[in-house]
PDB file of N, CA and C in Angstrom:
ATOM      1  N   MET A   1     -16.172   1.492   6.714  1.00  0.00           N
ATOM      2  CA  MET A   1     -14.879   2.210   7.180  1.00  0.00           C
ATOM      3  C   MET A   1     -14.639   2.103   8.608  1.00  0.00           C
ATOM      4  N   ALA A   2     -13.522   2.250   9.102  1.00  0.00           N
ATOM      5  CA  ALA A   2     -13.081   2.258  10.522  1.00  0.00           C
ATOM      6  C   ALA A   2     -13.141   3.702  10.951  1.00  0.00           C
ATOM      7  N   THR A   3     -13.286   3.829  12.282  1.00  0.00           N
ATOM      8  CA  THR A   3     -13.441   4.985  12.981  1.00  0.00           C
ATOM      9  C   THR A   3     -12.029   5.104  13.963  1.00  0.00           C
ATOM     10  N   LEU A   4     -11.530   6.134  14.093  1.00  0.00           N
ATOM     11  CA  LEU A   4     -10.312   6.323  14.824  1.00  0.00           C
ATOM     12  C   LEU A   4     -10.493   7.381  15.763  1.00  0.00           C
ATOM     13  N   THR A   5     -10.333   7.088  17.065  1.00  0.00           N
ATOM     14  CA  THR A   5     -10.192   8.212  18.036  1.00  0.00           C
ATOM     15  C   THR A   5      -8.868   8.555  18.587  1.00  0.00           C
ATOM     16  N   VAL A   6      -8.579   9.887  18.632  1.00  0.00           N
ATOM     17  CA  VAL A   6      -7.206  10.196  18.964  1.00  0.00           C
ATOM     18  C   VAL A   6      -7.394  11.124  20.484  1.00  0.00           C
ATOM     19  N   ARG A   7      -6.850  10.482  21.305  1.00  0.00           N
ATOM     20  CA  ARG A   7      -7.147  11.074  22.757  1.00  0.00           C
ATOM     21  C   ARG A   7      -5.675  11.896  23.132  1.00  0.00           C
ATOM     22  N   ASN A   8      -5.896  12.917  23.929  1.00  0.00           N
ATOM     23  CA  ASN A   8      -4.890  13.730  24.399  1.00  0.00           C
ATOM     24  C   ASN A   8      -3.933  14.500  23.352  1.00  0.00           C
ATOM     25  N   LEU A   9      -4.697  14.853  22.311  1.00  0.00           N
ATOM     26  CA  LEU A   9      -4.095  15.558  21.290  1.00  0.00           C
ATOM     27  C   LEU A   9      -3.822  17.195  21.791  1.00  0.00           C
ATOM     28  N   PRO A  10      -2.691  17.643  21.866  1.00  0.00           N
ATOM     29  CA  PRO A  10      -2.379  18.891  22.349  1.00  0.00           C
ATOM     30  C   PRO A  10      -3.089  19.990  21.573  1.00  0.00           C
ATOM     31  N   GLU A  11      -3.549  20.856  22.286  1.00  0.00           N
ATOM     32  CA  GLU A  11      -4.394  22.034  21.622  1.00  0.00           C
ATOM     33  C   GLU A  11      -3.624  22.719  20.583  1.00  0.00           C
ATOM     34  N   GLU A  12      -2.290  22.920  20.590  1.00  0.00           N
ATOM     35  CA  GLU A  12      -1.516  23.492  19.684  1.00  0.00           C
ATOM     36  C   GLU A  12      -1.619  22.560  18.298  1.00  0.00           C
ATOM     37  N   VAL A  13      -1.663  21.335  18.629  1.00  0.00           N
ATOM     38  CA  VAL A  13      -1.569  20.478  17.346  1.00  0.00           C
ATOM     39  C   VAL A  13      -3.078  20.460  16.618  1.00  0.00           C
ATOM     40  N   HIS A  14      -3.978  20.442  17.499  1.00  0.00           N
ATOM     41  CA  HIS A  14      -5.302  20.565  16.891  1.00  0.00           C
ATOM     42  C   HIS A  14      -5.564  21.959  16.180  1.00  0.00           C
ATOM     43  N   CYS A  15      -5.043  23.001  16.680  1.00  0.00           N
ATOM     44  CA  CYS A  15      -5.130  24.414  16.107  1.00  0.00           C
ATOM     45  C   CYS A  15      -4.388  24.352  14.793  1.00  0.00           C
ATOM     46  N   ALA A  16      -3.379  23.763  14.806  1.00  0.00           N
ATOM     47  CA  ALA A  16      -2.469  23.615  13.503  1.00  0.00           C
ATOM     48  C   ALA A  16      -3.136  22.884  12.547  1.00  0.00           C
ATOM     49  N   LEU A  17      -3.856  21.873  12.724  1.00  0.00           N
ATOM     50  CA  LEU A  17      -4.614  20.913  11.938  1.00  0.00           C
ATOM     51  C   LEU A  17      -5.675  21.800  11.350  1.00  0.00           C
ATOM     52  N   ARG A  18      -6.380  22.524  12.350  1.00  0.00           N
ATOM     53  CA  ARG A  18      -7.705  23.380  11.814  1.00  0.00           C
ATOM     54  C   ARG A  18      -7.165  24.486  10.759  1.00  0.00           C
ATOM     55  N   VAL A  19      -5.813  25.025  11.063  1.00  0.00           N
ATOM     56  CA  VAL A  19      -5.440  26.019   9.984  1.00  0.00           C
ATOM     57  C   VAL A  19      -5.059  25.383   8.645  1.00  0.00           C
ATOM     58  N   ARG A  20      -4.354  24.295   8.910  1.00  0.00           N
ATOM     59  CA  ARG A  20      -3.875  23.566   7.694  1.00  0.00           C
ATOM     60  C   ARG A  20      -4.921  23.045   6.886  1.00  0.00           C
ATOM     61  N   ALA A  21      -6.181  22.635   7.508  1.00  0.00           N
ATOM     62  CA  ALA A  21      -7.335  22.082   6.664  1.00  0.00           C
ATOM     63  C   ALA A  21      -7.964  23.416   6.075  1.00  0.00           C
ATOM     64  N   ALA A  22      -8.028  24.621   6.733  1.00  0.00           N
ATOM     65  CA  ALA A  22      -8.673  25.640   6.062  1.00  0.00           C
ATOM     66  C   ALA A  22      -7.745  26.110   4.832  1.00  0.00           C
ATOM     67  N   MET A  23      -6.422  26.065   5.031  1.00  0.00           N
ATOM     68  CA  MET A  23      -5.655  26.313   3.899  1.00  0.00           C
ATOM     69  C   MET A  23      -5.839  25.487   2.539  1.00  0.00           C
ATOM     70  N   HIS A  24      -6.263  24.233   2.957  1.00  0.00           N
ATOM     71  CA  HIS A  24      -6.474  23.237   1.874  1.00  0.00           C
ATOM     72  C   HIS A  24      -7.790  23.114   1.547  1.00  0.00           C
ATOM     73  N   GLY A  25      -8.776  23.971   2.015  1.00  0.00           N
ATOM     74  CA  GLY A  25     -10.079  23.997   1.762  1.00  0.00           C
ATOM     75  C   GLY A  25     -10.896  22.627   2.232  1.00  0.00           C
ATOM     76  N   ARG A  26     -10.458  22.019   3.332  1.00  0.00           N
ATOM     77  CA  ARG A  26     -10.952  20.779   3.698  1.00  0.00           C
ATOM     78  C   ARG A  26     -11.393  20.948   5.414  1.00  0.00           C
ATOM     79  N   SER A  27     -12.267  20.012   5.795  1.00  0.00           N
ATOM     80  CA  SER A  27     -12.530  19.916   7.113  1.00  0.00           C
ATOM     81  C   SER A  27     -11.285  19.414   7.887  1.00  0.00           C
ATOM     82  N   THR A  28     -11.279  19.596   9.121  1.00  0.00           N
ATOM     83  CA  THR A  28     -10.146  19.150   9.882  1.00  0.00           C
ATOM     84  C   THR A  28     -10.141  17.676   9.836  1.00  0.00           C
ATOM     85  N   GLU A  29     -11.256  16.996   9.937  1.00  0.00           N
ATOM     86  CA  GLU A  29     -11.356  15.470   9.745  1.00  0.00           C
ATOM     87  C   GLU A  29     -10.865  15.148   8.458  1.00  0.00           C
ATOM     88  N   ALA A  30     -11.283  15.795   7.310  1.00  0.00           N
ATOM     89  CA  ALA A  30     -10.785  15.356   6.003  1.00  0.00           C
ATOM     90  C   ALA A  30      -9.263  15.702   5.860  1.00  0.00           C
ATOM     91  N   GLU A  31      -8.764  16.602   6.524  1.00  0.00           N
ATOM     92  CA  GLU A  31      -7.224  16.826   6.606  1.00  0.00           C
ATOM     93  C   GLU A  31      -6.496  15.959   7.251  1.00  0.00           C
ATOM     94  N   VAL A  32      -6.938  15.367   8.406  1.00  0.00           N
ATOM     95  CA  VAL A  32      -6.429  14.226   9.013  1.00  0.00           C
ATOM     96  C   VAL A  32      -6.357  12.990   8.329  1.00  0.00           C
ATOM     97  N   ARG A  33      -7.477  12.823   7.593  1.00  0.00           N
ATOM     98  CA  ARG A  33      -7.618  11.420   6.660  1.00  0.00           C
ATOM     99  C   ARG A  33      -6.503  11.555   5.587  1.00  0.00           C
ATOM    100  N   TYR A  34      -6.424  12.882   5.094  1.00  0.00           N
ATOM    101  CA  TYR A  34      -5.340  13.162   3.908  1.00  0.00           C
ATOM    102  C   TYR A  34      -3.846  12.967   4.453  1.00  0.00           C
ATOM    103  N   ILE A  35      -3.723  13.448   5.683  1.00  0.00           N
ATOM    104  CA  ILE A  35      -2.243  13.312   6.242  1.00  0.00           C
ATOM    105  C   ILE A  35      -1.979  11.855   6.441  1.00  0.00           C
ATOM    106  N   LEU A  36      -2.920  11.082   7.106  1.00  0.00           N
ATOM    107  CA  LEU A  36      -2.638   9.627   7.379  1.00  0.00           C
ATOM    108  C   LEU A  36      -2.476   8.798   6.101  1.00  0.00           C
ATOM    109  N   GLU A  37      -3.345   9.234   4.999  1.00  0.00           N
ATOM    110  CA  GLU A  37      -3.156   8.237   3.869  1.00  0.00           C
ATOM    111  C   GLU A  37      -1.915   8.604   3.095  1.00  0.00           C
ATOM    112  N   ALA A  38      -1.479   9.829   3.182  1.00  0.00           N
ATOM    113  CA  ALA A  38      -0.280  10.225   2.573  1.00  0.00           C
ATOM    114  C   ALA A  38       0.852   9.719   3.254  1.00  0.00           C
ATOM    115  N   THR A  39       0.826   9.497   4.414  1.00  0.00           N
ATOM    116  CA  THR A  39       1.992   9.070   5.280  1.00  0.00           C
ATOM    117  C   THR A  39       2.128   7.461   5.105  1.00  0.00           C
ATOM    118  N   VAL A  40       0.971   7.015   5.123  1.00  0.00           N
ATOM    119  CA  VAL A  40       1.092   5.351   5.170  1.00  0.00           C
ATOM    120  C   VAL A  40       1.120   4.720   3.677  1.00  0.00           C
ATOM    121  N   ARG A  41       0.692   5.548   2.696  1.00  0.00           N
ATOM    122  CA  ARG A  41       0.550   5.120   1.309  1.00  0.00           C
ATOM    123  C   ARG A  41       1.172   6.155   0.334  1.00  0.00           C
ATOM    124  N   PRO A  42       2.485   6.534   0.630  1.00  0.00           N
ATOM    125  CA  PRO A  42       2.815   7.703  -0.233  1.00  0.00           C
ATOM    126  C   PRO A  42       2.844   7.277  -1.732  1.00  0.00           C
ATOM    127  N   PRO A  43       2.799   8.155  -2.613  1.00  0.00           N
ATOM    128  CA  PRO A  43       2.661   7.932  -4.122  1.00  0.00           C
ATOM    129  C   PRO A  43       3.949   7.396  -4.650  1.00  0.00           C
ATOM    130  N   ASP A  44       5.135   7.578  -3.940  1.00  0.00           N
ATOM    131  CA  ASP A  44       6.307   6.876  -4.450  1.00  0.00           C
ATOM    132  C   ASP A  44       6.665   5.637  -3.658  1.00  0.00           C
ATOM    133  N   ARG A  45       5.720   4.885  -3.062  1.00  0.00           N
ATOM    134  CA  ARG A  45       6.049   3.702  -2.383  1.00  0.00           C
ATOM    135  C   ARG A  45       6.324   2.646  -3.355  1.00  0.00           C
ATOM    136  N   LEU A  46       7.068   1.618  -2.915  1.00  0.00           N
ATOM    137  CA  LEU A  46       7.447   0.434  -3.739  1.00  0.00           C
ATOM    138  C   LEU A  46       6.074  -0.452  -3.973  1.00  0.00           C
ATOM    139  N   ARG A  47       5.761  -0.609  -5.320  1.00  0.00           N
ATOM    140  CA  ARG A  47       4.627  -1.596  -5.528  1.00  0.00           C
ATOM    141  C   ARG A  47       5.177  -2.860  -6.024  1.00  0.00           C
ATOM    142  N   MET A  48       4.955  -3.981  -5.485  1.00  0.00           N
ATOM    143  CA  MET A  48       5.579  -5.298  -5.720  1.00  0.00           C
ATOM    144  C   MET A  48       5.309  -5.672  -7.246  1.00  0.00           C
ATOM    145  N   GLY A  49       4.159  -5.487  -7.689  1.00  0.00           N
ATOM    146  CA  GLY A  49       3.917  -5.864  -9.158  1.00  0.00           C
ATOM    147  C   GLY A  49       4.643  -5.151 -10.043  1.00  0.00           C
ATOM    148  N   THR A  50       4.795  -3.840  -9.859  1.00  0.00           N
ATOM    149  CA  THR A  50       5.554  -2.928 -10.700  1.00  0.00           C
ATOM    150  C   THR A  50       7.061  -3.391 -10.715  1.00  0.00           C
ATOM    151  N   ALA A  51       7.558  -3.501  -9.384  1.00  0.00           N
ATOM    152  CA  ALA A  51       8.934  -3.946  -9.337  1.00  0.00           C
ATOM    153  C   ALA A  51       9.175  -5.300  -9.879  1.00  0.00           C
ATOM    154  N   LEU A  52       8.287  -6.244  -9.720  1.00  0.00           N
ATOM    155  CA  LEU A  52       8.593  -7.529 -10.451  1.00  0.00           C
ATOM    156  C   LEU A  52       8.667  -7.458 -11.902  1.00  0.00           C
ATOM    157  N   ALA A  53       7.707  -6.698 -12.536  1.00  0.00           N
ATOM    158  CA  ALA A  53       7.638  -6.547 -13.871  1.00  0.00           C
ATOM    159  C   ALA A  53       8.842  -5.780 -14.469  1.00  0.00           C
ATOM    160  N   GLU A  54       9.321  -4.747 -13.872  1.00  0.00           N
ATOM    161  CA  GLU A  54      10.497  -3.999 -14.034  1.00  0.00           C
ATOM    162  C   GLU A  54      11.749  -5.177 -14.161  1.00  0.00           C
ATOM    163  N   LEU A  55      11.820  -5.933 -13.043  1.00  0.00           N
ATOM    164  CA  LEU A  55      12.869  -6.880 -12.929  1.00  0.00           C
ATOM    165  C   LEU A  55      12.811  -7.838 -14.185  1.00  0.00           C
ATOM    166  N   GLY A  56      11.652  -8.311 -14.493  1.00  0.00           N
ATOM    167  CA  GLY A  56      11.482  -9.189 -15.691  1.00  0.00           C
ATOM    168  C   GLY A  56      12.073  -8.596 -16.948  1.00  0.00           C
ATOM    169  N   ARG A  57      11.643  -7.253 -17.156  1.00  0.00           N
ATOM    170  CA  ARG A  57      12.121  -6.469 -18.359  1.00  0.00           C
ATOM    171  C   ARG A  57      13.580  -6.429 -18.371  1.00  0.00           C
ATOM    172  N   ARG A  58      14.110  -6.044 -17.101  1.00  0.00           N
ATOM    173  CA  ARG A  58      15.608  -5.959 -17.180  1.00  0.00           C
ATOM    174  C   ARG A  58      16.429  -7.143 -17.378  1.00  0.00           C
ATOM    175  N   ALA A  59      15.734  -8.302 -16.870  1.00  0.00           N
ATOM    176  CA  ALA A  59      16.410  -9.690 -17.084  1.00  0.00           C
ATOM    177  C   ALA A  59      16.076 -10.169 -18.656  1.00  0.00           C
ATOM    178  N   GLY A  60      15.185  -9.329 -19.281  1.00  0.00           N
ATOM    179  CA  GLY A  60      15.073  -9.645 -20.787  1.00  0.00           C
ATOM    180  C   GLY A  60      14.054 -10.976 -20.915  1.00  0.00           C
ATOM    181  N   LEU A  61      13.195 -11.083 -19.686  1.00  0.00           N
ATOM    182  CA  LEU A  61      12.264 -12.262 -19.950  1.00  0.00           C
ATOM    183  C   LEU A  61      11.138 -11.818 -21.170  1.00  0.00           C
ATOM    184  N   THR A  62      10.587 -12.679 -21.789  1.00  0.00           N
ATOM    185  CA  THR A  62       9.498 -12.693 -22.737  1.00  0.00           C
ATOM    186  C   THR A  62       8.435 -13.479 -22.408  1.00  0.00           C
ATOM    187  N   SER A  63       7.438 -13.246 -23.087  1.00  0.00           N
ATOM    188  CA  SER A  63       6.224 -14.178 -22.750  1.00  0.00           C
ATOM    189  C   SER A  63       6.423 -15.625 -23.103  1.00  0.00           C
ATOM    190  N   GLY A  64       7.462 -15.869 -24.114  1.00  0.00           N
ATOM    191  CA  GLY A  64       7.819 -17.314 -24.176  1.00  0.00           C
ATOM    192  C   GLY A  64       8.489 -17.902 -23.050  1.00  0.00           C
ATOM    193  N   ASP A  65       9.240 -17.203 -22.346  1.00  0.00           N
ATOM    194  CA  ASP A  65      10.004 -17.614 -21.066  1.00  0.00           C
ATOM    195  C   ASP A  65       9.002 -17.812 -20.042  1.00  0.00           C
ATOM    196  N   LEU A  66       8.030 -16.918 -19.890  1.00  0.00           N
ATOM    197  CA  LEU A  66       6.926 -17.171 -18.892  1.00  0.00           C
ATOM    198  C   LEU A  66       6.071 -18.489 -19.223  1.00  0.00           C
ATOM    199  N   SER A  67       5.868 -18.679 -20.505  1.00  0.00           N
ATOM    200  CA  SER A  67       5.258 -19.948 -20.754  1.00  0.00           C
ATOM    201  C   SER A  67       5.882 -21.157 -20.616  1.00  0.00           C
ATOM    202  N   ALA A  68       7.118 -21.210 -20.689  1.00  0.00           N
ATOM    203  CA  ALA A  68       8.116 -22.311 -20.404  1.00  0.00           C
ATOM    204  C   ALA A  68       8.037 -22.531 -18.953  1.00  0.00           C
ATOM    205  N   ILE A  69       8.285 -21.485 -18.055  1.00  0.00           N
ATOM    206  CA  ILE A  69       8.108 -21.677 -16.685  1.00  0.00           C
ATOM    207  C   ILE A  69       6.817 -22.222 -16.284  1.00  0.00           C
ATOM    208  N   GLU A  70       5.652 -21.818 -16.866  1.00  0.00           N
ATOM    209  CA  GLU A  70       4.386 -22.391 -16.607  1.00  0.00           C
ATOM    210  C   GLU A  70       4.294 -23.779 -17.012  1.00  0.00           C
ATOM    211  N   ARG A  71       4.735 -24.172 -18.031  1.00  0.00           N
ATOM    212  CA  ARG A  71       4.647 -25.573 -18.445  1.00  0.00           C
ATOM    213  C   ARG A  71       5.505 -26.520 -17.397  1.00  0.00           C
ATOM    214  N   ARG A  72       6.668 -26.076 -16.833  1.00  0.00           N
ATOM    215  CA  ARG A  72       7.439 -26.844 -16.039  1.00  0.00           C
ATOM    216  C   ARG A  72       7.034 -26.714 -14.366  1.00  0.00           C
ATOM    217  N   ARG A  73       5.969 -25.938 -14.203  1.00  0.00           N
ATOM    218  CA  ARG A  73       5.655 -25.612 -12.902  1.00  0.00           C
ATOM    219  C   ARG A  73       4.902 -26.861 -12.376  1.00  0.00           C
ATOM    220  N   ASP A  74       5.152 -27.104 -11.060  1.00  0.00           N
ATOM    221  CA  ASP A  74       4.457 -28.442 -10.337  1.00  0.00           C
ATOM    222  C   ASP A  74       3.025 -27.940 -10.256  1.00  0.00           C
ATOM    223  N   LYS A  75       2.185 -28.826 -10.928  1.00  0.00           N
ATOM    224  CA  LYS A  75       0.786 -28.608 -10.807  1.00  0.00           C
ATOM    225  C   LYS A  75       0.034 -29.485  -9.739  1.00  0.00           C
ATOM    226  N   MET A  76       0.703 -30.179  -9.001  1.00  0.00           N
ATOM    227  CA  MET A  76       0.045 -30.860  -8.036  1.00  0.00           C
ATOM    228  C   MET A  76      -0.414 -30.141  -6.936  1.00  0.00           C
ATOM    229  N   PRO A  77      -1.738 -30.373  -6.431  1.00  0.00           N
ATOM    230  CA  PRO A  77      -2.238 -29.506  -5.320  1.00  0.00           C
ATOM    231  C   PRO A  77      -1.377 -29.762  -3.998  1.00  0.00           C
ATOM    232  N   ALA A  78      -1.291 -28.664  -3.302  1.00  0.00           N
ATOM    233  CA  ALA A  78      -0.558 -28.764  -1.929  1.00  0.00           C
ATOM    234  C   ALA A  78      -1.295 -29.658  -1.075  1.00  0.00           C
ATOM    235  N   VAL A  79      -0.523 -30.482  -0.203  1.00  0.00           N
ATOM    236  CA  VAL A  79      -1.176 -31.361   0.815  1.00  0.00           C
ATOM    237  C   VAL A  79      -1.017 -30.538   2.080  1.00  0.00           C
ATOM    238  N   PRO A  80      -2.277 -30.425   2.733  1.00  0.00           N
ATOM    239  CA  PRO A  80      -2.161 -29.539   3.992  1.00  0.00           C
ATOM    240  C   PRO A  80      -1.334 -30.645   5.103  1.00  0.00           C
ATOM    241  N   LEU A  81      -0.704 -29.876   5.988  1.00  0.00           N
ATOM    242  CA  LEU A  81      -0.028 -30.438   7.022  1.00  0.00           C
ATOM    243  C   LEU A  81      -0.956 -31.186   8.092  1.00  0.00           C
ATOM    244  N   ASP A  82      -0.607 -32.392   8.542  1.00  0.00           N
ATOM    245  CA  ASP A  82      -1.343 -32.995   9.611  1.00  0.00           C
ATOM    246  C   ASP A  82      -0.719 -32.611  10.869  1.00  0.00           C
ATOM    247  N   LEU A  83      -1.497 -31.797  11.622  1.00  0.00           N
ATOM    248  CA  LEU A  83      -0.924 -31.388  12.658  1.00  0.00           C
ATOM    249  C   LEU A  83      -1.351 -32.043  13.997  1.00  0.00           C
ATOM    250  N   GLU A  84      -1.904 -33.363  13.822  1.00  0.00           N
ATOM    251  CA  GLU A  84      -2.470 -34.053  14.899  1.00  0.00           C
ATOM    252  C   GLU A  84      -1.568 -35.239  15.186  1.00  0.00           C
TER     253      GLU A  84
END
């Protein structure tokens, strides 16, 4: 896991974090981890797989449609670019 150092944190913010952590029964460090994760990975975030599956359902796609797409898909391996 990565380590993060926060410099020049105002004393008022640090105190508020300690109080908030105590209210939630966590250490200050655990509270900061919780806040960071909840901020960058909110539970209501858009998940691409879920969104694509929903799009397919709304469009009425079936397994048969997906099989047809797979059969027509270009199966030739990609050729890397020659940059020289």
